[in-house]
Amino acid sequence: MTTKTKPPKSPGLTPLAALERAAECLKALAHPHRLRMIQMLMRGRYTVGELAEACGIPSHMASEHLRLMQRCGFLTSDKDGRKAYYKVAEPHLANIMSCVEERFGGAA
């Protein structure tokens, strides 16, 4: 009979299950167009079309990027008539983007 042993608990460390969820959500940010969209959305709310134009991609591609980030809880959208405006829902994105901009050159 084989018994499974639990990994030792490390006080003060984040549980691996939580880190797995974090890794999945960080993957959602790991694309230049998504990072650009987050940069913009940290400054205001935008439509799919506006975000697509700023990234130089078709609207349907921008929608897919936005949908992925929404699933991780990073973004929300509000309808105003026929338009949907996206905005940041996760305040910690400011810290992540600050790290990215400081490390990789903020304003180019």
Protein backbone atom coordinates (compact mmCIF):
# COMPACT_ATOMS: atom_id res chain seq x y z
CA MET A 1 0.00 0.00 0.00
CA THR A 2 1.40 3.34 -1.04
CA THR A 3 0.69 6.36 1.05
CA LYS A 4 0.83 9.83 -0.36
CA THR A 5 2.73 12.34 1.63
CA LYS A 6 1.75 15.95 1.64
CA PRO A 7 4.41 18.45 0.70
CA PRO A 8 5.74 20.27 3.73
CA LYS A 9 3.97 23.51 4.55
CA SER A 10 6.13 26.56 4.24
CA PRO A 11 4.97 29.35 6.51
CA GLY A 12 4.49 32.64 4.74
CA LEU A 13 4.48 31.14 1.24
CA THR A 14 1.48 31.30 -1.06
CA PRO A 15 -0.21 27.91 -1.55
CA LEU A 16 0.64 26.26 -4.86
CA ALA A 17 -3.00 26.15 -5.95
CA ALA A 18 -3.15 29.94 -5.66
CA LEU A 19 0.13 30.28 -7.56
CA GLU A 20 -1.29 28.08 -10.33
CA ARG A 21 -4.24 30.46 -10.68
CA ALA A 22 -1.84 33.42 -10.64
CA ALA A 23 0.30 31.85 -13.38
CA GLU A 24 -2.76 31.33 -15.58
CA CYS A 25 -3.79 34.97 -15.19
CA LEU A 26 -0.26 36.22 -15.77
CA LYS A 27 -0.25 34.25 -19.03
CA ALA A 28 -3.30 36.29 -20.02
CA LEU A 29 -1.15 39.43 -19.80
CA ALA A 30 1.81 37.91 -21.65
CA HIS A 31 1.13 39.48 -25.04
CA PRO A 32 2.22 42.91 -26.31
CA HIS A 33 -1.27 43.90 -27.48
CA ARG A 34 -2.79 42.95 -24.14
CA LEU A 35 -0.14 44.92 -22.27
CA ARG A 36 -0.84 47.94 -24.51
CA MET A 37 -4.56 47.62 -23.83
CA ILE A 38 -3.92 47.47 -20.08
CA GLN A 39 -1.67 50.54 -20.36
CA MET A 40 -4.45 52.43 -22.07
CA LEU A 41 -7.17 51.19 -19.75
CA MET A 42 -5.15 52.28 -16.72
CA ARG A 43 -5.68 55.83 -18.04
CA GLY A 44 -9.36 55.61 -18.98
CA ARG A 45 -12.11 53.56 -20.55
CA TYR A 46 -12.08 52.60 -24.23
CA THR A 47 -14.14 50.71 -26.79
CA VAL A 48 -12.94 47.62 -28.63
CA GLY A 49 -12.49 49.71 -31.77
CA GLU A 50 -10.33 52.30 -30.01
CA LEU A 51 -8.15 49.62 -28.44
CA ALA A 52 -7.86 47.73 -31.73
CA GLU A 53 -6.80 50.88 -33.58
CA ALA A 54 -4.14 51.70 -30.96
CA CYS A 55 -2.74 48.17 -31.31
CA GLY A 56 -3.02 48.09 -35.10
CA ILE A 57 -5.15 44.93 -35.06
CA PRO A 58 -8.68 44.07 -36.25
CA SER A 59 -11.54 44.55 -33.80
CA HIS A 60 -12.31 40.83 -33.63
CA MET A 61 -8.75 40.13 -32.42
CA ALA A 62 -8.99 42.91 -29.85
CA SER A 63 -12.27 41.41 -28.64
CA GLU A 64 -10.59 38.05 -28.08
CA HIS A 65 -7.77 39.67 -26.10
CA LEU A 66 -10.29 41.59 -23.99
CA ARG A 67 -12.43 38.51 -23.39
CA LEU A 68 -9.39 36.57 -22.12
CA MET A 69 -8.46 39.36 -19.70
CA GLN A 70 -12.07 39.65 -18.54
CA ARG A 71 -12.15 35.94 -17.70
CA CYS A 72 -9.24 36.49 -15.30
CA GLY A 73 -11.10 39.36 -13.66
CA PHE A 74 -8.71 42.02 -14.90
CA LEU A 75 -11.33 43.98 -16.83
CA THR A 76 -15.02 44.83 -16.84
CA SER A 77 -17.17 46.44 -19.48
CA ASP A 78 -20.11 48.82 -19.38
CA LYS A 79 -22.62 49.32 -22.16
CA ASP A 80 -23.40 52.84 -23.30
CA GLY A 81 -25.99 52.50 -26.02
CA ARG A 82 -24.55 50.14 -28.61
CA LYS A 83 -20.95 50.57 -27.46
CA ALA A 84 -19.18 48.64 -24.74
CA TYR A 85 -16.49 50.47 -22.82
CA TYR A 86 -13.79 48.47 -21.07
CA LYS A 87 -12.07 49.47 -17.86
CA VAL A 88 -9.65 47.94 -15.37
CA ALA A 89 -11.31 45.97 -12.58
CA GLU A 90 -8.14 44.71 -10.86
CA PRO A 91 -6.31 47.50 -9.01
CA HIS A 92 -3.14 45.40 -8.69
CA LEU A 93 -2.59 45.74 -12.44
CA ALA A 94 -1.15 49.18 -11.71
CA ASN A 95 1.71 47.53 -9.79
CA ILE A 96 2.32 44.97 -12.53
CA MET A 97 2.33 47.62 -15.26
CA SER A 98 4.60 49.84 -13.20
CA CYS A 99 7.13 46.99 -13.00
CA VAL A 100 6.85 46.32 -16.75
CA GLU A 101 7.24 49.99 -17.67
CA GLU A 102 10.18 50.57 -15.29
CA ARG A 103 11.99 47.45 -16.48
CA PHE A 104 11.29 47.74 -20.20
CA GLY A 105 11.31 51.44 -20.83
CA GLY A 106 7.93 53.01 -19.97
CA ALA A 107 7.62 55.82 -22.49
CA ALA A 108 9.35 55.11 -25.76
